[in-house]
């Protein structure tokens, strides 16, 4: 299955990616895989060969891209979601309409809705901590979603979240993975790297250099 497979198929498994070399020596795909392995010291694990043909070097390059982008990331926390913003304005619009004066929305209603939105944002800002939110996993999540590689999941309480696709070997063929890398590179470039490097080729070179540290 290609890029249309469901979220159930794309859920990230608890896996560690590595290559078994001569004599059974294990070489981890990324430092993240190695750190996960350290947490399993003393545990019994199953080794499962991957069935899909994927370029391991390209897989590592994706994580190098995430590492490079993370270095220049300053999280922005939207304290009021787009649905909440929409609801506040629609309630104000409907109130004016029901009062028989829909023109009041442009005169007063929109400002009242904005006042409520700003008050909610100020209240939440007292608990928000952008630096606590800043971690590699959250950054990778954000970039995948911004690049459009996500599934929309409805929660039991009616809320909706965007869940990024997994880049697991089992979930994606090389062709699909290439599309994800390109899409994510475009997002990282437009958000931060264009301010650091002269052109995309220079940024790609920096990614390649980082691969030895991933």
N, C-alpha and C. Protein backbone atom coordinates (compact mmCIF):
# COMPACT_ATOMS: atom_id res chain seq x y z
N UNK A 1 0.84 -1.20 0.00
CA UNK A 1 0.00 0.00 0.00
C UNK A 1 0.87 1.24 0.00
N UNK A 2 0.42 2.31 -0.64
CA UNK A 2 1.22 3.51 -0.77
C UNK A 2 0.84 4.58 0.22
N UNK A 3 0.79 5.82 -0.28
CA UNK A 3 0.61 6.98 0.58
C UNK A 3 -0.81 7.09 1.10
N UNK A 4 -1.72 6.21 0.70
CA UNK A 4 -3.11 6.31 1.11
C UNK A 4 -3.46 5.37 2.24
N UNK A 5 -2.50 4.64 2.78
CA UNK A 5 -2.83 3.67 3.81
C UNK A 5 -3.29 4.38 5.07
N UNK A 6 -4.05 3.66 5.90
CA UNK A 6 -4.73 4.28 7.04
C UNK A 6 -3.80 4.56 8.19
N UNK A 7 -4.33 5.33 9.17
CA UNK A 7 -3.55 5.66 10.35
C UNK A 7 -3.20 4.42 11.14
N UNK A 8 -4.08 3.41 11.11
CA UNK A 8 -3.77 2.18 11.83
C UNK A 8 -2.50 1.55 11.29
N UNK A 9 -2.31 1.65 9.97
CA UNK A 9 -1.12 1.07 9.36
C UNK A 9 0.10 1.94 9.61
N UNK A 10 -0.12 3.23 9.91
CA UNK A 10 1.00 4.14 10.02
C UNK A 10 1.41 4.39 11.47
N UNK A 11 0.71 3.82 12.42
CA UNK A 11 1.09 4.03 13.81
C UNK A 11 2.50 3.52 14.05
N UNK A 12 3.32 4.34 14.68
CA UNK A 12 4.72 3.99 14.87
C UNK A 12 4.87 2.83 15.83
N UNK A 13 5.45 1.74 15.42
CA UNK A 13 5.66 0.61 16.32
C UNK A 13 6.83 0.89 17.25
N UNK A 14 6.90 0.12 18.32
CA UNK A 14 8.03 0.23 19.24
C UNK A 14 9.16 -0.60 18.66
N UNK A 15 9.96 0.01 17.81
CA UNK A 15 10.98 -0.73 17.10
C UNK A 15 12.31 -0.01 17.18
N UNK A 16 13.36 -0.79 17.01
CA UNK A 16 14.72 -0.26 16.94
C UNK A 16 15.30 -0.72 15.62
N UNK A 17 15.78 0.22 14.84
CA UNK A 17 16.28 -0.10 13.51
C UNK A 17 17.80 -0.24 13.55
N UNK A 18 18.28 -1.34 12.99
CA UNK A 18 19.73 -1.60 12.98
C UNK A 18 20.07 -2.52 11.82
N UNK A 19 21.36 -2.60 11.54
CA UNK A 19 21.87 -3.49 10.50
C UNK A 19 22.78 -4.51 11.16
N UNK A 20 22.56 -5.78 10.85
CA UNK A 20 23.41 -6.84 11.39
C UNK A 20 24.56 -7.08 10.42
N UNK A 21 25.77 -6.85 10.91
CA UNK A 21 26.95 -7.02 10.08
C UNK A 21 27.62 -8.36 10.28
N UNK A 22 28.83 -8.48 9.78
CA UNK A 22 29.56 -9.73 9.91
C UNK A 22 29.78 -10.13 11.36
N UNK A 23 29.62 -11.41 11.63
CA UNK A 23 29.79 -11.91 12.99
C UNK A 23 28.65 -11.57 13.92
N UNK A 24 27.55 -11.05 13.37
CA UNK A 24 26.40 -10.72 14.20
C UNK A 24 26.47 -9.35 14.85
N UNK A 25 27.47 -8.56 14.49
CA UNK A 25 27.61 -7.22 15.06
C UNK A 25 26.43 -6.35 14.65
N UNK A 26 25.88 -5.61 15.61
CA UNK A 26 24.72 -4.76 15.35
C UNK A 26 25.15 -3.30 15.22
N UNK A 27 24.76 -2.68 14.11
CA UNK A 27 25.03 -1.26 13.88
C UNK A 27 23.69 -0.53 13.83
N UNK A 28 23.45 0.34 14.80
CA UNK A 28 22.17 1.03 14.89
C UNK A 28 22.04 2.07 13.79
N UNK A 29 20.82 2.24 13.31
CA UNK A 29 20.58 3.18 12.21
C UNK A 29 20.81 4.62 12.64
N UNK A 30 20.37 4.98 13.85
CA UNK A 30 20.55 6.34 14.35
C UNK A 30 20.91 6.28 15.83
N UNK A 31 21.37 7.40 16.36
CA UNK A 31 21.65 7.48 17.79
C UNK A 31 20.39 7.27 18.61
N UNK A 32 19.27 7.69 18.06
CA UNK A 32 17.99 7.49 18.75
C UNK A 32 17.70 6.01 18.92
N UNK A 33 17.97 5.22 17.89
CA UNK A 33 17.78 3.77 17.99
C UNK A 33 18.70 3.19 19.06
N UNK A 34 19.92 3.67 19.12
CA UNK A 34 20.87 3.17 20.11
C UNK A 34 20.42 3.51 21.53
N UNK A 35 19.88 4.72 21.72
CA UNK A 35 19.40 5.12 23.04
C UNK A 35 18.22 4.26 23.46
N UNK A 36 17.34 3.94 22.51
CA UNK A 36 16.21 3.06 22.83
C UNK A 36 16.71 1.69 23.24
N UNK A 37 17.75 1.21 22.56
CA UNK A 37 18.30 -0.10 22.89
C UNK A 37 18.88 -0.12 24.30
N UNK A 38 19.51 0.98 24.71
CA UNK A 38 20.07 1.05 26.06
C UNK A 38 18.99 0.89 27.12
N UNK A 39 17.80 1.40 26.82
CA UNK A 39 16.69 1.29 27.77
C UNK A 39 16.15 -0.13 27.87
N UNK A 40 16.58 -1.00 26.96
CA UNK A 40 16.10 -2.38 26.96
C UNK A 40 17.15 -3.35 27.50
N UNK A 41 18.18 -2.83 28.13
CA UNK A 41 19.23 -3.68 28.67
C UNK A 41 18.64 -4.74 29.60
N UNK A 42 18.97 -6.00 29.33
CA UNK A 42 18.46 -7.10 30.15
C UNK A 42 17.14 -7.65 29.68
N UNK A 43 16.52 -7.01 28.70
CA UNK A 43 15.22 -7.46 28.20
C UNK A 43 15.42 -8.46 27.06
N UNK A 44 14.45 -9.35 26.89
CA UNK A 44 14.44 -10.26 25.75
C UNK A 44 13.74 -9.56 24.60
N UNK A 45 14.39 -9.52 23.44
CA UNK A 45 13.82 -8.84 22.28
C UNK A 45 13.77 -9.78 21.09
N UNK A 46 12.89 -9.48 20.15
CA UNK A 46 12.78 -10.26 18.92
C UNK A 46 13.35 -9.45 17.77
N UNK A 47 14.13 -10.07 16.92
CA UNK A 47 14.71 -9.41 15.75
C UNK A 47 13.89 -9.80 14.53
N UNK A 48 13.39 -8.79 13.84
CA UNK A 48 12.52 -9.04 12.69
C UNK A 48 13.09 -8.37 11.45
N UNK A 49 13.47 -9.15 10.43
CA UNK A 49 13.96 -8.55 9.18
C UNK A 49 12.88 -7.69 8.54
N UNK A 50 13.29 -6.59 7.93
CA UNK A 50 12.34 -5.70 7.28
C UNK A 50 12.04 -6.20 5.87
N UNK A 51 10.75 -6.18 5.55
CA UNK A 51 10.32 -6.74 4.27
C UNK A 51 10.37 -5.74 3.14
N UNK A 52 10.27 -4.44 3.46
CA UNK A 52 10.24 -3.44 2.40
C UNK A 52 11.63 -2.92 2.09
N UNK A 53 11.89 -2.77 0.81
CA UNK A 53 13.20 -2.27 0.39
C UNK A 53 13.27 -0.77 0.65
N UNK A 54 14.16 -0.38 1.54
CA UNK A 54 14.33 1.03 1.86
C UNK A 54 15.82 1.33 1.96
N UNK A 55 16.18 2.53 1.59
CA UNK A 55 17.56 2.98 1.66
C UNK A 55 17.86 3.44 3.08
N UNK A 56 18.68 2.68 3.80
CA UNK A 56 18.97 3.03 5.19
C UNK A 56 19.68 4.38 5.28
N UNK A 57 20.53 4.66 4.31
CA UNK A 57 21.24 5.94 4.32
C UNK A 57 20.26 7.10 4.21
N UNK A 58 19.24 6.93 3.39
CA UNK A 58 18.24 7.98 3.24
C UNK A 58 17.41 8.12 4.51
N UNK A 59 17.16 6.99 5.18
CA UNK A 59 16.45 7.01 6.46
C UNK A 59 17.23 7.84 7.47
N UNK A 60 18.52 7.62 7.53
CA UNK A 60 19.38 8.38 8.44
C UNK A 60 19.44 9.85 8.03
N UNK A 61 19.37 10.10 6.74
CA UNK A 61 19.40 11.48 6.26
C UNK A 61 18.17 12.25 6.73
N UNK A 62 17.03 11.58 6.79
CA UNK A 62 15.81 12.22 7.28
C UNK A 62 16.01 12.69 8.72
N UNK A 63 16.58 11.83 9.56
CA UNK A 63 16.79 12.19 10.96
C UNK A 63 17.87 13.26 11.10
N UNK A 64 18.82 13.28 10.17
CA UNK A 64 19.82 14.35 10.17
C UNK A 64 19.16 15.68 9.82
N UNK A 65 18.21 15.66 8.89
CA UNK A 65 17.46 16.87 8.55
C UNK A 65 16.69 17.38 9.76
N UNK A 66 16.04 16.46 10.48
CA UNK A 66 15.31 16.86 11.68
C UNK A 66 16.25 17.45 12.73
N UNK A 67 17.42 16.88 12.84
CA UNK A 67 18.40 17.37 13.81
C UNK A 67 18.87 18.78 13.45
N UNK A 68 19.10 19.00 12.15
CA UNK A 68 19.56 20.31 11.70
C UNK A 68 18.47 21.36 11.92
N UNK A 69 17.25 21.04 11.54
CA UNK A 69 16.16 21.98 11.73
C UNK A 69 15.91 22.29 13.20
N UNK A 70 16.02 21.27 14.04
CA UNK A 70 15.79 21.44 15.48
C UNK A 70 16.78 22.43 16.08
N UNK A 71 17.99 22.45 15.55
CA UNK A 71 19.02 23.35 16.06
C UNK A 71 18.60 24.82 15.95
N UNK A 72 17.77 25.13 14.96
CA UNK A 72 17.38 26.52 14.71
C UNK A 72 15.90 26.77 15.01
N UNK A 73 15.28 25.87 15.75
CA UNK A 73 13.84 25.97 16.01
C UNK A 73 13.56 26.74 17.28
N UNK A 74 12.71 27.75 17.18
CA UNK A 74 12.20 28.47 18.35
C UNK A 74 10.69 28.25 18.36
N UNK A 75 10.19 27.37 19.23
CA UNK A 75 8.77 27.01 19.21
C UNK A 75 7.85 28.22 19.39
N UNK A 76 6.81 28.25 18.56
CA UNK A 76 5.73 29.22 18.74
C UNK A 76 4.50 28.44 19.17
N UNK A 77 3.94 28.81 20.31
CA UNK A 77 2.79 28.09 20.82
C UNK A 77 1.53 28.90 20.55
N UNK A 78 0.66 28.37 19.72
CA UNK A 78 -0.64 29.00 19.47
C UNK A 78 -1.54 28.64 20.64
N UNK A 79 -1.85 29.61 21.47
CA UNK A 79 -2.55 29.35 22.72
C UNK A 79 -4.05 29.18 22.54
N UNK A 80 -4.57 29.61 21.40
CA UNK A 80 -5.99 29.41 21.08
C UNK A 80 -6.04 28.74 19.72
N UNK A 81 -6.68 27.59 19.65
CA UNK A 81 -6.71 26.83 18.41
C UNK A 81 -7.59 27.49 17.35
N UNK A 82 -7.39 27.10 16.11
CA UNK A 82 -8.20 27.63 15.02
C UNK A 82 -9.69 27.32 15.22
N UNK A 83 -10.06 26.09 15.63
CA UNK A 83 -11.49 25.82 15.88
C UNK A 83 -12.06 26.71 16.99
N UNK A 84 -11.30 26.95 18.05
CA UNK A 84 -11.78 27.82 19.13
C UNK A 84 -11.97 29.25 18.64
N UNK A 85 -11.04 29.72 17.84
CA UNK A 85 -11.14 31.06 17.25
C UNK A 85 -12.39 31.16 16.39
N UNK A 86 -12.61 30.14 15.57
CA UNK A 86 -13.78 30.12 14.68
C UNK A 86 -15.08 30.12 15.47
N UNK A 87 -15.15 29.30 16.52
CA UNK A 87 -16.37 29.21 17.33
C UNK A 87 -16.68 30.54 17.99
N UNK A 88 -15.66 31.19 18.56
CA UNK A 88 -15.88 32.48 19.24
C UNK A 88 -16.48 33.50 18.27
N UNK A 89 -15.98 33.55 17.06
CA UNK A 89 -16.47 34.54 16.10
C UNK A 89 -17.85 34.16 15.55
N UNK A 90 -18.08 32.87 15.36
CA UNK A 90 -19.38 32.44 14.86
C UNK A 90 -20.48 32.66 15.90
N UNK A 91 -20.18 32.46 17.18
CA UNK A 91 -21.16 32.73 18.24
C UNK A 91 -21.51 34.21 18.25
N UNK A 92 -20.49 35.07 18.15
CA UNK A 92 -20.74 36.51 18.12
C UNK A 92 -21.55 36.90 16.89
N UNK A 93 -21.23 36.28 15.74
CA UNK A 93 -21.96 36.58 14.51
C UNK A 93 -23.42 36.15 14.63
N UNK A 94 -23.64 34.94 15.17
CA UNK A 94 -25.01 34.43 15.31
C UNK A 94 -25.81 35.26 16.31
N UNK A 95 -25.16 35.72 17.38
CA UNK A 95 -25.85 36.55 18.38
C UNK A 95 -26.36 37.83 17.72
N UNK A 96 -25.52 38.46 16.93
CA UNK A 96 -25.93 39.69 16.24
C UNK A 96 -27.06 39.41 15.25
N UNK A 97 -26.98 38.27 14.58
CA UNK A 97 -28.00 37.89 13.61
C UNK A 97 -29.33 37.65 14.30
N UNK A 98 -29.31 36.92 15.43
CA UNK A 98 -30.53 36.62 16.17
C UNK A 98 -31.14 37.89 16.77
N UNK A 99 -30.30 38.86 17.05
CA UNK A 99 -30.79 40.13 17.60
C UNK A 99 -31.39 41.01 16.50
N UNK A 100 -31.33 40.53 15.26
CA UNK A 100 -31.90 41.28 14.16
C UNK A 100 -30.99 42.37 13.63
N UNK A 101 -29.75 42.37 14.06
CA UNK A 101 -28.80 43.39 13.63
C UNK A 101 -27.47 42.73 13.23
N UNK A 102 -27.47 42.00 12.13
CA UNK A 102 -26.24 41.30 11.72
C UNK A 102 -25.08 42.25 11.44
N UNK A 103 -25.39 43.51 11.12
CA UNK A 103 -24.32 44.47 10.84
C UNK A 103 -23.50 44.80 12.09
N UNK A 104 -24.05 44.47 13.27
CA UNK A 104 -23.33 44.76 14.51
C UNK A 104 -22.07 43.89 14.66
N UNK A 105 -22.03 42.78 13.92
CA UNK A 105 -20.85 41.92 14.05
C UNK A 105 -19.59 42.67 13.63
N UNK A 106 -19.66 43.34 12.49
CA UNK A 106 -18.49 44.09 12.03
C UNK A 106 -18.20 45.29 12.92
N UNK A 107 -19.24 45.85 13.53
CA UNK A 107 -19.05 47.03 14.36
C UNK A 107 -18.54 46.69 15.76
N UNK A 108 -19.14 45.62 16.35
CA UNK A 108 -18.81 45.29 17.74
C UNK A 108 -18.52 43.79 17.97
N UNK A 109 -19.27 42.93 17.28
CA UNK A 109 -19.21 41.49 17.56
C UNK A 109 -17.84 40.89 17.38
N UNK A 110 -17.16 41.24 16.31
CA UNK A 110 -15.84 40.68 16.05
C UNK A 110 -14.84 41.11 17.12
N UNK A 111 -14.95 42.37 17.56
CA UNK A 111 -14.05 42.86 18.62
C UNK A 111 -14.31 42.15 19.94
N UNK A 112 -15.59 41.87 20.22
CA UNK A 112 -15.93 41.15 21.45
C UNK A 112 -15.36 39.74 21.41
N UNK A 113 -15.50 39.07 20.25
CA UNK A 113 -14.95 37.73 20.10
C UNK A 113 -13.44 37.75 20.29
N UNK A 114 -12.77 38.75 19.72
CA UNK A 114 -11.33 38.87 19.87
C UNK A 114 -10.94 39.10 21.32
N UNK A 115 -11.75 39.85 22.04
CA UNK A 115 -11.49 40.10 23.47
C UNK A 115 -11.52 38.78 24.25
N UNK A 116 -12.52 37.93 23.95
CA UNK A 116 -12.62 36.63 24.62
C UNK A 116 -11.42 35.75 24.26
N UNK A 117 -11.05 35.76 22.99
CA UNK A 117 -9.90 34.96 22.53
C UNK A 117 -8.62 35.41 23.22
N UNK A 118 -8.42 36.73 23.31
CA UNK A 118 -7.22 37.26 23.95
C UNK A 118 -7.19 36.91 25.44
N UNK A 119 -8.35 36.96 26.07
CA UNK A 119 -8.42 36.62 27.50
C UNK A 119 -8.07 35.16 27.73
N UNK A 120 -8.55 34.29 26.85
CA UNK A 120 -8.23 32.87 26.96
C UNK A 120 -6.74 32.64 26.75
N UNK A 121 -6.16 33.35 25.78
CA UNK A 121 -4.73 33.20 25.50
C UNK A 121 -3.89 33.66 26.69
N UNK A 122 -4.27 34.77 27.32
CA UNK A 122 -3.52 35.25 28.48
C UNK A 122 -3.58 34.26 29.63
N UNK A 123 -4.74 33.66 29.83
CA UNK A 123 -4.91 32.68 30.91
C UNK A 123 -4.03 31.46 30.66
N UNK A 124 -4.00 30.99 29.43
CA UNK A 124 -3.21 29.81 29.11
C UNK A 124 -1.72 30.11 29.11
N UNK A 125 -1.36 31.34 28.81
CA UNK A 125 0.06 31.70 28.75
C UNK A 125 0.75 31.55 30.10
N UNK A 126 -0.03 31.61 31.17
CA UNK A 126 0.55 31.47 32.51
C UNK A 126 1.02 30.05 32.77
N UNK A 127 0.48 29.10 32.00
CA UNK A 127 0.86 27.70 32.17
C UNK A 127 1.75 27.19 31.04
N UNK A 128 1.81 27.95 29.95
CA UNK A 128 2.56 27.51 28.77
C UNK A 128 4.06 27.72 28.98
N UNK A 129 4.84 26.77 28.50
CA UNK A 129 6.29 26.85 28.60
C UNK A 129 6.89 26.37 27.28
N UNK A 130 7.17 27.30 26.35
CA UNK A 130 7.71 26.90 25.04
C UNK A 130 8.98 26.07 25.13
N UNK A 131 9.85 26.39 26.09
CA UNK A 131 11.11 25.66 26.20
C UNK A 131 10.89 24.22 26.65
N UNK A 132 9.89 24.01 27.51
CA UNK A 132 9.58 22.64 27.94
C UNK A 132 9.02 21.83 26.77
N UNK A 133 8.36 22.51 25.85
CA UNK A 133 7.78 21.85 24.69
C UNK A 133 8.85 21.49 23.66
N UNK A 134 9.98 22.20 23.72
CA UNK A 134 11.01 22.02 22.70
C UNK A 134 11.78 20.72 22.92
N UNK A 135 11.49 19.74 22.09
CA UNK A 135 12.22 18.47 22.11
C UNK A 135 12.19 17.90 20.70
N UNK A 136 13.13 17.03 20.36
CA UNK A 136 13.20 16.50 18.99
C UNK A 136 11.91 15.81 18.52
N UNK A 137 11.25 15.07 19.40
CA UNK A 137 10.03 14.37 18.99
C UNK A 137 8.93 15.36 18.62
N UNK A 138 8.76 16.41 19.42
CA UNK A 138 7.74 17.41 19.12
C UNK A 138 8.07 18.15 17.83
N UNK A 139 9.35 18.38 17.60
CA UNK A 139 9.74 19.07 16.37
C UNK A 139 9.44 18.21 15.15
N UNK A 140 9.79 16.93 15.23
CA UNK A 140 9.52 16.02 14.10
C UNK A 140 8.01 15.93 13.85
N UNK A 141 7.24 15.88 14.92
CA UNK A 141 5.78 15.85 14.82
C UNK A 141 5.29 17.09 14.07
N UNK A 142 5.77 18.24 14.47
CA UNK A 142 5.34 19.51 13.87
C UNK A 142 5.68 19.56 12.38
N UNK A 143 6.90 19.20 12.03
CA UNK A 143 7.32 19.28 10.64
C UNK A 143 6.51 18.33 9.76
N UNK A 144 6.28 17.12 10.25
CA UNK A 144 5.49 16.16 9.48
C UNK A 144 4.08 16.69 9.23
N UNK A 145 3.47 17.27 10.26
CA UNK A 145 2.12 17.81 10.13
C UNK A 145 2.11 19.01 9.19
N UNK A 146 3.07 19.91 9.37
CA UNK A 146 3.13 21.10 8.50
C UNK A 146 3.36 20.71 7.04
N UNK A 147 4.05 19.60 6.82
CA UNK A 147 4.31 19.14 5.45
C UNK A 147 3.11 18.40 4.86
N UNK A 148 2.11 18.14 5.68
CA UNK A 148 0.90 17.49 5.19
C UNK A 148 0.87 15.99 5.33
N UNK A 149 1.85 15.42 6.04
CA UNK A 149 1.91 13.97 6.19
C UNK A 149 1.33 13.58 7.55
N UNK A 150 0.01 13.60 7.62
CA UNK A 150 -0.66 13.30 8.88
C UNK A 150 -2.05 12.73 8.61
N UNK A 151 -2.62 12.14 9.65
CA UNK A 151 -4.00 11.69 9.63
C UNK A 151 -4.76 12.48 10.68
N UNK A 152 -6.01 12.81 10.40
CA UNK A 152 -6.86 13.48 11.37
C UNK A 152 -7.59 12.43 12.19
N UNK A 153 -7.44 12.51 13.49
CA UNK A 153 -8.03 11.53 14.40
C UNK A 153 -9.02 12.22 15.32
N UNK A 154 -10.24 11.70 15.39
CA UNK A 154 -11.27 12.25 16.27
C UNK A 154 -11.20 11.57 17.63
N UNK A 155 -11.13 12.37 18.68
CA UNK A 155 -11.04 11.86 20.04
C UNK A 155 -12.43 11.58 20.60
N UNK A 156 -12.53 10.75 21.64
CA UNK A 156 -13.83 10.43 22.24
C UNK A 156 -14.60 11.66 22.72
N UNK A 157 -13.88 12.72 23.12
CA UNK A 157 -14.56 13.92 23.62
C UNK A 157 -14.97 14.87 22.50
N UNK A 158 -14.78 14.45 21.25
CA UNK A 158 -15.17 15.28 20.12
C UNK A 158 -14.05 16.12 19.56
N UNK A 159 -12.93 16.19 20.27
CA UNK A 159 -11.79 16.94 19.77
C UNK A 159 -11.12 16.23 18.61
N UNK A 160 -10.30 16.95 17.90
CA UNK A 160 -9.60 16.40 16.74
C UNK A 160 -8.12 16.71 16.85
N UNK A 161 -7.29 15.73 16.57
CA UNK A 161 -5.84 15.95 16.56
C UNK A 161 -5.28 15.48 15.22
N UNK A 162 -4.12 16.02 14.89
CA UNK A 162 -3.40 15.60 13.69
C UNK A 162 -2.24 14.71 14.11
N UNK A 163 -2.26 13.50 13.65
CA UNK A 163 -1.24 12.53 14.03
C UNK A 163 -0.31 12.28 12.84
N UNK A 164 0.98 12.56 12.98
CA UNK A 164 1.91 12.39 11.85
C UNK A 164 2.07 10.92 11.48
N UNK A 165 2.35 10.69 10.22
CA UNK A 165 2.61 9.34 9.77
C UNK A 165 3.91 8.82 10.37
N UNK A 166 3.99 7.55 10.49
CA UNK A 166 5.23 6.91 10.93
C UNK A 166 6.17 6.78 9.73
N UNK A 167 7.47 6.92 9.99
CA UNK A 167 8.46 6.70 8.93
C UNK A 167 9.09 5.32 9.07
N UNK A 168 8.40 4.44 9.75
CA UNK A 168 8.87 3.07 9.94
C UNK A 168 9.09 2.38 8.59
N UNK A 169 10.06 1.50 8.56
CA UNK A 169 10.33 0.72 7.35
C UNK A 169 9.10 -0.08 6.94
N UNK A 170 8.34 -0.57 7.91
CA UNK A 170 7.18 -1.40 7.60
C UNK A 170 6.05 -0.59 6.99
N UNK A 171 6.02 0.72 7.23
CA UNK A 171 4.90 1.53 6.79
C UNK A 171 5.10 2.21 5.44
N UNK A 172 6.33 2.42 5.05
CA UNK A 172 6.58 3.21 3.84
C UNK A 172 7.59 2.54 2.91
N UNK A 173 7.26 2.53 1.64
CA UNK A 173 8.22 2.11 0.63
C UNK A 173 9.16 3.28 0.34
N UNK A 174 10.25 3.02 -0.36
CA UNK A 174 11.25 4.06 -0.61
C UNK A 174 10.65 5.25 -1.37
N UNK A 175 9.80 4.99 -2.34
CA UNK A 175 9.21 6.08 -3.14
C UNK A 175 8.41 7.03 -2.26
N UNK A 176 7.61 6.46 -1.35
CA UNK A 176 6.82 7.29 -0.45
C UNK A 176 7.72 8.04 0.52
N UNK A 177 8.76 7.38 0.99
CA UNK A 177 9.68 8.01 1.93
C UNK A 177 10.39 9.20 1.26
N UNK A 178 10.72 9.05 -0.02
CA UNK A 178 11.34 10.16 -0.75
C UNK A 178 10.44 11.39 -0.77
N UNK A 179 9.14 11.16 -0.95
CA UNK A 179 8.19 12.27 -0.96
C UNK A 179 8.13 12.95 0.41
N UNK A 180 8.18 12.14 1.46
CA UNK A 180 8.14 12.70 2.81
C UNK A 180 9.39 13.51 3.08
N UNK A 181 10.54 12.99 2.69
CA UNK A 181 11.79 13.74 2.92
C UNK A 181 11.74 15.07 2.19
N UNK A 182 11.34 15.06 0.94
CA UNK A 182 11.30 16.30 0.15
C UNK A 182 10.32 17.29 0.76
N UNK A 183 9.13 16.80 1.15
CA UNK A 183 8.13 17.69 1.74
C UNK A 183 8.61 18.30 3.04
N UNK A 184 9.23 17.48 3.88
CA UNK A 184 9.74 17.98 5.17
C UNK A 184 10.91 18.93 4.96
N UNK A 185 11.76 18.63 3.99
CA UNK A 185 12.88 19.54 3.71
C UNK A 185 12.35 20.91 3.30
N UNK A 186 11.31 20.94 2.47
CA UNK A 186 10.75 22.21 2.03
C UNK A 186 10.23 23.02 3.22
N UNK A 187 9.59 22.34 4.18
CA UNK A 187 9.06 23.04 5.36
C UNK A 187 10.20 23.58 6.22
N UNK A 188 11.19 22.73 6.49
CA UNK A 188 12.32 23.16 7.32
C UNK A 188 13.07 24.31 6.65
N UNK A 189 13.23 24.22 5.34
CA UNK A 189 13.93 25.29 4.62
C UNK A 189 13.17 26.61 4.73
N UNK A 190 11.86 26.57 4.48
CA UNK A 190 11.07 27.81 4.48
C UNK A 190 10.89 28.39 5.87
N UNK A 191 10.98 27.55 6.91
CA UNK A 191 10.79 28.04 8.28
C UNK A 191 12.07 28.60 8.88
N UNK A 192 13.21 28.01 8.58
CA UNK A 192 14.42 28.46 9.27
C UNK A 192 15.70 28.39 8.43
N UNK A 193 15.90 27.32 7.70
CA UNK A 193 17.20 27.12 7.06
C UNK A 193 17.52 28.18 6.00
N UNK A 194 16.48 28.79 5.40
CA UNK A 194 16.75 29.81 4.38
C UNK A 194 17.45 31.02 4.98
N UNK A 195 17.33 31.18 6.30
CA UNK A 195 18.01 32.29 6.96
C UNK A 195 19.46 31.95 7.32
N UNK A 196 19.79 30.67 7.27
CA UNK A 196 21.11 30.21 7.71
C UNK A 196 22.03 29.93 6.53
N UNK A 197 21.47 29.34 5.47
CA UNK A 197 22.28 28.90 4.33
C UNK A 197 21.96 29.72 3.08
N UNK A 198 22.93 29.81 2.20
CA UNK A 198 22.77 30.61 0.98
C UNK A 198 21.75 30.00 0.03
N UNK A 199 21.72 28.68 -0.04
CA UNK A 199 20.77 28.02 -0.93
C UNK A 199 20.48 26.62 -0.41
N UNK A 200 19.54 25.93 -1.07
CA UNK A 200 19.13 24.60 -0.62
C UNK A 200 20.27 23.60 -0.73
N UNK A 201 21.11 23.76 -1.72
CA UNK A 201 22.24 22.83 -1.89
C UNK A 201 23.18 22.90 -0.69
N UNK A 202 23.41 24.10 -0.18
CA UNK A 202 24.27 24.25 0.99
C UNK A 202 23.63 23.62 2.22
N UNK A 203 22.30 23.76 2.33
CA UNK A 203 21.59 23.14 3.44
C UNK A 203 21.66 21.62 3.35
N UNK A 204 21.50 21.08 2.14
CA UNK A 204 21.59 19.63 1.95
C UNK A 204 22.98 19.14 2.32
N UNK A 205 23.99 19.92 2.01
CA UNK A 205 25.36 19.54 2.37
C UNK A 205 25.52 19.48 3.88
N UNK A 206 24.89 20.42 4.59
CA UNK A 206 24.94 20.42 6.05
C UNK A 206 24.24 19.18 6.61
N UNK A 207 23.14 18.79 5.97
CA UNK A 207 22.44 17.57 6.39
C UNK A 207 23.35 16.36 6.21
N UNK A 208 24.02 16.29 5.08
CA UNK A 208 24.92 15.16 4.81
C UNK A 208 26.05 15.10 5.83
N UNK A 209 26.56 16.25 6.24
CA UNK A 209 27.63 16.27 7.24
C UNK A 209 27.12 15.80 8.59
N UNK A 210 25.86 16.13 8.90
CA UNK A 210 25.30 15.73 10.19
C UNK A 210 25.01 14.23 10.27
N UNK A 211 24.93 13.57 9.13
CA UNK A 211 24.58 12.15 9.13
C UNK A 211 25.54 11.32 9.96
N UNK A 212 26.78 11.76 10.06
CA UNK A 212 27.76 11.00 10.85
C UNK A 212 27.51 11.14 12.35
N UNK A 213 26.63 12.08 12.73
CA UNK A 213 26.35 12.30 14.15
C UNK A 213 24.95 11.83 14.53
N UNK A 214 24.23 11.23 13.58
CA UNK A 214 22.86 10.79 13.84
C UNK A 214 22.85 9.33 14.26
